[in-house]
């Protein structure tokens, strides 16, 4: 998985009733865009993340 600062990570819920979550990549700590990533969720919570197969990268939209 590769991501850049500003990309969004869509983390799918893994159990019934768990909603998908969206996090913005604020820092890429791996080589050449690889995990781990420092991410910020919509509620402001920040964490380090090494996404699994339940996560999709949505590239940053440039205007």
PDB file of N, CA and C in Angstrom:
ATOM      1  N   UNK A   1       0.842  -1.174   0.000  1.00  0.00           N
ATOM      2  CA  UNK A   1       0.000   0.000   0.000  1.00  0.00           C
ATOM      3  C   UNK A   1       0.887   1.237   0.000  1.00  0.00           C
ATOM      4  N   UNK A   2       0.533   2.200  -0.834  1.00  0.00           N
ATOM      5  CA  UNK A   2       1.255   3.466  -0.906  1.00  0.00           C
ATOM      6  C   UNK A   2       0.259   4.606  -0.699  1.00  0.00           C
ATOM      7  N   UNK A   3       0.709   5.651  -0.004  1.00  0.00           N
ATOM      8  CA  UNK A   3      -0.127   6.838   0.201  1.00  0.00           C
ATOM      9  C   UNK A   3       0.773   8.056   0.296  1.00  0.00           C
ATOM     10  N   UNK A   4       0.182   9.216   0.084  1.00  0.00           N
ATOM     11  CA  UNK A   4       0.873  10.493   0.187  1.00  0.00           C
ATOM     12  C   UNK A   4       0.143  11.366   1.208  1.00  0.00           C
ATOM     13  N   UNK A   5       0.848  12.366   1.721  1.00  0.00           N
ATOM     14  CA  UNK A   5       0.223  13.313   2.638  1.00  0.00           C
ATOM     15  C   UNK A   5      -0.978  13.936   1.935  1.00  0.00           C
ATOM     16  N   UNK A   6      -2.098  13.982   2.633  1.00  0.00           N
ATOM     17  CA  UNK A   6      -3.329  14.531   2.061  1.00  0.00           C
ATOM     18  C   UNK A   6      -4.277  13.476   1.540  1.00  0.00           C
ATOM     19  N   UNK A   7      -3.790  12.268   1.282  1.00  0.00           N
ATOM     20  CA  UNK A   7      -4.671  11.180   0.855  1.00  0.00           C
ATOM     21  C   UNK A   7      -5.596  10.801   2.001  1.00  0.00           C
ATOM     22  N   UNK A   8      -6.710  10.215   1.666  1.00  0.00           N
ATOM     23  CA  UNK A   8      -7.660   9.719   2.662  1.00  0.00           C
ATOM     24  C   UNK A   8      -7.573   8.193   2.711  1.00  0.00           C
ATOM     25  N   UNK A   9      -7.697   7.656   3.913  1.00  0.00           N
ATOM     26  CA  UNK A   9      -7.783   6.210   4.092  1.00  0.00           C
ATOM     27  C   UNK A   9      -9.205   5.890   4.518  1.00  0.00           C
ATOM     28  N   UNK A  10      -9.872   5.041   3.758  1.00  0.00           N
ATOM     29  CA  UNK A  10     -11.216   4.585   4.083  1.00  0.00           C
ATOM     30  C   UNK A  10     -11.072   3.229   4.758  1.00  0.00           C
ATOM     31  N   UNK A  11     -11.363   3.196   6.052  1.00  0.00           N
ATOM     32  CA  UNK A  11     -11.226   1.977   6.838  1.00  0.00           C
ATOM     33  C   UNK A  11     -12.614   1.376   6.999  1.00  0.00           C
ATOM     34  N   UNK A  12     -12.836   0.228   6.362  1.00  0.00           N
ATOM     35  CA  UNK A  12     -14.141  -0.430   6.414  1.00  0.00           C
ATOM     36  C   UNK A  12     -14.361  -1.065   7.784  1.00  0.00           C
ATOM     37  N   UNK A  13     -15.610  -1.004   8.271  1.00  0.00           N
ATOM     38  CA  UNK A  13     -15.971  -1.665   9.519  1.00  0.00           C
ATOM     39  C   UNK A  13     -15.771  -3.164   9.387  1.00  0.00           C
ATOM     40  N   UNK A  14     -15.276  -3.788  10.437  1.00  0.00           N
ATOM     41  CA  UNK A  14     -14.970  -5.215  10.373  1.00  0.00           C
ATOM     42  C   UNK A  14     -16.027  -6.109  11.005  1.00  0.00           C
ATOM     43  N   UNK A  15     -16.972  -5.505  11.702  1.00  0.00           N
ATOM     44  CA  UNK A  15     -18.042  -6.301  12.296  1.00  0.00           C
ATOM     45  C   UNK A  15     -19.381  -5.655  11.948  1.00  0.00           C
ATOM     46  N   UNK A  16     -20.441  -6.435  12.052  1.00  0.00           N
ATOM     47  CA  UNK A  16     -21.772  -5.939  11.725  1.00  0.00           C
ATOM     48  C   UNK A  16     -22.105  -4.752  12.615  1.00  0.00           C
ATOM     49  N   UNK A  17     -22.573  -3.667  12.013  1.00  0.00           N
ATOM     50  CA  UNK A  17     -22.956  -2.477  12.752  1.00  0.00           C
ATOM     51  C   UNK A  17     -21.834  -1.465  12.932  1.00  0.00           C
ATOM     52  N   UNK A  18     -20.604  -1.847  12.618  1.00  0.00           N
ATOM     53  CA  UNK A  18     -19.481  -0.919  12.747  1.00  0.00           C
ATOM     54  C   UNK A  18     -19.383  -0.101  11.455  1.00  0.00           C
ATOM     55  N   UNK A  19     -19.366   1.208  11.590  1.00  0.00           N
ATOM     56  CA  UNK A  19     -19.340   2.092  10.430  1.00  0.00           C
ATOM     57  C   UNK A  19     -17.931   2.230   9.868  1.00  0.00           C
ATOM     58  N   UNK A  20     -17.864   2.578   8.582  1.00  0.00           N
ATOM     59  CA  UNK A  20     -16.579   2.900   7.967  1.00  0.00           C
ATOM     60  C   UNK A  20     -16.051   4.183   8.595  1.00  0.00           C
ATOM     61  N   UNK A  21     -14.726   4.307   8.624  1.00  0.00           N
ATOM     62  CA  UNK A  21     -14.098   5.518   9.166  1.00  0.00           C
ATOM     63  C   UNK A  21     -13.159   6.084   8.110  1.00  0.00           C
ATOM     64  N   UNK A  22     -12.997   7.401   8.124  1.00  0.00           N
ATOM     65  CA  UNK A  22     -12.115   8.070   7.178  1.00  0.00           C
ATOM     66  C   UNK A  22     -11.019   8.779   7.959  1.00  0.00           C
ATOM     67  N   UNK A  23      -9.775   8.582   7.514  1.00  0.00           N
ATOM     68  CA  UNK A  23      -8.635   9.239   8.143  1.00  0.00           C
ATOM     69  C   UNK A  23      -7.818   9.917   7.052  1.00  0.00           C
ATOM     70  N   UNK A  24      -7.255  11.078   7.373  1.00  0.00           N
ATOM     71  CA  UNK A  24      -6.383  11.789   6.440  1.00  0.00           C
ATOM     72  C   UNK A  24      -4.930  11.503   6.801  1.00  0.00           C
ATOM     73  N   UNK A  25      -4.121  11.195   5.795  1.00  0.00           N
ATOM     74  CA  UNK A  25      -2.699  10.959   6.018  1.00  0.00           C
ATOM     75  C   UNK A  25      -2.029  12.310   6.255  1.00  0.00           C
ATOM     76  N   UNK A  26      -1.421  12.484   7.439  1.00  0.00           N
ATOM     77  CA  UNK A  26      -0.748  13.737   7.752  1.00  0.00           C
ATOM     78  C   UNK A  26       0.775  13.587   7.715  1.00  0.00           C
ATOM     79  N   UNK A  27       1.263  12.340   7.733  1.00  0.00           N
ATOM     80  CA  UNK A  27       2.704  12.097   7.629  1.00  0.00           C
ATOM     81  C   UNK A  27       2.927  10.665   7.172  1.00  0.00           C
ATOM     82  N   UNK A  28       3.853  10.496   6.240  1.00  0.00           N
ATOM     83  CA  UNK A  28       4.240   9.166   5.762  1.00  0.00           C
ATOM     84  C   UNK A  28       5.593   8.840   6.389  1.00  0.00           C
ATOM     85  N   UNK A  29       5.650   7.783   7.173  1.00  0.00           N
ATOM     86  CA  UNK A  29       6.868   7.437   7.898  1.00  0.00           C
ATOM     87  C   UNK A  29       7.666   6.321   7.250  1.00  0.00           C
ATOM     88  N   UNK A  30       7.086   5.601   6.299  1.00  0.00           N
ATOM     89  CA  UNK A  30       7.786   4.538   5.605  1.00  0.00           C
ATOM     90  C   UNK A  30       8.503   5.065   4.370  1.00  0.00           C
ATOM     91  N   UNK A  31       9.332   4.227   3.807  1.00  0.00           N
ATOM     92  CA  UNK A  31      10.084   4.585   2.605  1.00  0.00           C
ATOM     93  C   UNK A  31       9.168   4.589   1.380  1.00  0.00           C
ATOM     94  N   UNK A  32       9.292   5.611   0.567  1.00  0.00           N
ATOM     95  CA  UNK A  32       8.589   5.714  -0.719  1.00  0.00           C
ATOM     96  C   UNK A  32       7.075   5.562  -0.604  1.00  0.00           C
ATOM     97  N   UNK A  33       6.492   6.181   0.418  1.00  0.00           N
ATOM     98  CA  UNK A  33       5.043   6.199   0.551  1.00  0.00           C
ATOM     99  C   UNK A  33       4.416   4.978   1.193  1.00  0.00           C
ATOM    100  N   UNK A  34       5.230   4.156   1.846  1.00  0.00           N
ATOM    101  CA  UNK A  34       4.703   2.951   2.478  1.00  0.00           C
ATOM    102  C   UNK A  34       4.427   3.190   3.963  1.00  0.00           C
ATOM    103  N   UNK A  35       3.614   2.327   4.579  1.00  0.00           N
ATOM    104  CA  UNK A  35       3.322   2.468   6.012  1.00  0.00           C
ATOM    105  C   UNK A  35       4.579   2.339   6.849  1.00  0.00           C
ATOM    106  N   UNK A  36       4.508   2.840   8.082  1.00  0.00           N
ATOM    107  CA  UNK A  36       3.333   3.374   8.776  1.00  0.00           C
ATOM    108  C   UNK A  36       3.034   4.808   8.380  1.00  0.00           C
ATOM    109  N   UNK A  37       1.779   5.179   8.626  1.00  0.00           N
ATOM    110  CA  UNK A  37       1.307   6.530   8.356  1.00  0.00           C
ATOM    111  C   UNK A  37       0.821   7.158   9.664  1.00  0.00           C
ATOM    112  N   UNK A  38       1.047   8.449   9.831  1.00  0.00           N
ATOM    113  CA  UNK A  38       0.386   9.193  10.908  1.00  0.00           C
ATOM    114  C   UNK A  38      -0.892   9.719  10.272  1.00  0.00           C
ATOM    115  N   UNK A  39      -2.027   9.405  10.885  1.00  0.00           N
ATOM    116  CA  UNK A  39      -3.320   9.782  10.318  1.00  0.00           C
ATOM    117  C   UNK A  39      -4.141  10.562  11.335  1.00  0.00           C
ATOM    118  N   UNK A  40      -5.078  11.351  10.813  1.00  0.00           N
ATOM    119  CA  UNK A  40      -6.016  12.104  11.649  1.00  0.00           C
ATOM    120  C   UNK A  40      -7.429  11.720  11.225  1.00  0.00           C
ATOM    121  N   UNK A  41      -8.194  11.200  12.190  1.00  0.00           N
ATOM    122  CA  UNK A  41      -9.577  10.835  11.925  1.00  0.00           C
ATOM    123  C   UNK A  41     -10.465  12.077  11.990  1.00  0.00           C
ATOM    124  N   UNK A  42     -11.693  11.927  11.513  1.00  0.00           N
ATOM    125  CA  UNK A  42     -12.621  13.056  11.433  1.00  0.00           C
ATOM    126  C   UNK A  42     -12.915  13.695  12.786  1.00  0.00           C
ATOM    127  N   UNK A  43     -12.771  12.926  13.870  1.00  0.00           N
ATOM    128  CA  UNK A  43     -13.025  13.471  15.211  1.00  0.00           C
ATOM    129  C   UNK A  43     -11.798  14.165  15.801  1.00  0.00           C
ATOM    130  N   UNK A  44     -10.695  14.253  15.022  1.00  0.00           N
ATOM    131  CA  UNK A  44      -9.481  14.923  15.459  1.00  0.00           C
ATOM    132  C   UNK A  44      -8.440  13.997  16.072  1.00  0.00           C
ATOM    133  N   UNK A  45      -8.811  12.751  16.336  1.00  0.00           N
ATOM    134  CA  UNK A  45      -7.883  11.777  16.921  1.00  0.00           C
ATOM    135  C   UNK A  45      -6.772  11.459  15.920  1.00  0.00           C
ATOM    136  N   UNK A  46      -5.509  11.483  16.378  1.00  0.00           N
ATOM    137  CA  UNK A  46      -4.366  11.119  15.542  1.00  0.00           C
ATOM    138  C   UNK A  46      -3.725   9.852  16.073  1.00  0.00           C
ATOM    139  N   UNK A  47      -3.214   9.035  15.148  1.00  0.00           N
ATOM    140  CA  UNK A  47      -2.555   7.794  15.527  1.00  0.00           C
ATOM    141  C   UNK A  47      -1.616   7.351  14.415  1.00  0.00           C
ATOM    142  N   UNK A  48      -0.730   6.401  14.738  1.00  0.00           N
ATOM    143  CA  UNK A  48       0.084   5.743  13.727  1.00  0.00           C
ATOM    144  C   UNK A  48      -0.691   4.545  13.222  1.00  0.00           C
ATOM    145  N   UNK A  49      -0.598   4.292  11.927  1.00  0.00           N
ATOM    146  CA  UNK A  49      -1.404   3.235  11.340  1.00  0.00           C
ATOM    147  C   UNK A  49      -0.633   2.503  10.261  1.00  0.00           C
ATOM    148  N   UNK A  50      -0.689   1.187  10.302  1.00  0.00           N
ATOM    149  CA  UNK A  50      -0.203   0.331   9.220  1.00  0.00           C
ATOM    150  C   UNK A  50      -1.438  -0.398   8.703  1.00  0.00           C
ATOM    151  N   UNK A  51      -2.099   0.165   7.696  1.00  0.00           N
ATOM    152  CA  UNK A  51      -3.396  -0.343   7.253  1.00  0.00           C
ATOM    153  C   UNK A  51      -3.347  -1.790   6.769  1.00  0.00           C
ATOM    154  N   UNK A  52      -4.457  -2.475   6.998  1.00  0.00           N
ATOM    155  CA  UNK A  52      -4.617  -3.849   6.544  1.00  0.00           C
ATOM    156  C   UNK A  52      -5.483  -3.917   5.296  1.00  0.00           C
ATOM    157  N   UNK A  53      -5.934  -5.118   4.955  1.00  0.00           N
ATOM    158  CA  UNK A  53      -6.721  -5.315   3.723  1.00  0.00           C
ATOM    159  C   UNK A  53      -8.113  -4.692   3.770  1.00  0.00           C
ATOM    160  N   UNK A  54      -8.537  -4.214   4.934  1.00  0.00           N
ATOM    161  CA  UNK A  54      -9.844  -3.582   5.066  1.00  0.00           C
ATOM    162  C   UNK A  54      -9.790  -2.081   4.816  1.00  0.00           C
ATOM    163  N   UNK A  55      -8.661  -1.588   4.301  1.00  0.00           N
ATOM    164  CA  UNK A  55      -8.456  -0.153   4.091  1.00  0.00           C
ATOM    165  C   UNK A  55      -8.197   0.147   2.619  1.00  0.00           C
ATOM    166  N   UNK A  56      -8.791   1.231   2.135  1.00  0.00           N
ATOM    167  CA  UNK A  56      -8.638   1.672   0.751  1.00  0.00           C
ATOM    168  C   UNK A  56      -8.062   3.090   0.761  1.00  0.00           C
ATOM    169  N   UNK A  57      -7.085   3.360  -0.117  1.00  0.00           N
ATOM    170  CA  UNK A  57      -6.504   4.689  -0.246  1.00  0.00           C
ATOM    171  C   UNK A  57      -7.293   5.484  -1.278  1.00  0.00           C
ATOM    172  N   UNK A  58      -7.749   6.659  -0.875  1.00  0.00           N
ATOM    173  CA  UNK A  58      -8.414   7.594  -1.793  1.00  0.00           C
ATOM    174  C   UNK A  58      -7.446   8.744  -2.027  1.00  0.00           C
ATOM    175  N   UNK A  59      -6.871   8.866  -3.237  1.00  0.00           N
ATOM    176  CA  UNK A  59      -5.889   9.927  -3.500  1.00  0.00           C
ATOM    177  C   UNK A  59      -6.458  11.318  -3.250  1.00  0.00           C
ATOM    178  N   UNK A  60      -5.565  12.207  -2.794  1.00  0.00           N
ATOM    179  CA  UNK A  60      -5.925  13.619  -2.548  1.00  0.00           C
ATOM    180  C   UNK A  60      -6.357  14.254  -3.853  1.00  0.00           C
ATOM    181  N   UNK A  61      -7.481  14.945  -3.814  1.00  0.00           N
ATOM    182  CA  UNK A  61      -7.980  15.628  -5.009  1.00  0.00           C
ATOM    183  C   UNK A  61      -7.385  17.017  -5.080  1.00  0.00           C
ATOM    184  N   UNK A  62      -6.686  17.306  -6.157  1.00  0.00           N
ATOM    185  CA  UNK A  62      -6.113  18.630  -6.346  1.00  0.00           C
ATOM    186  C   UNK A  62      -7.093  19.472  -7.158  1.00  0.00           C
ATOM    187  N   UNK A  63      -7.228  20.716  -6.794  1.00  0.00           N
ATOM    188  CA  UNK A  63      -8.175  21.586  -7.501  1.00  0.00           C
ATOM    189  C   UNK A  63      -7.443  22.617  -8.312  1.00  0.00           C
TER     190      UNK A  63
END
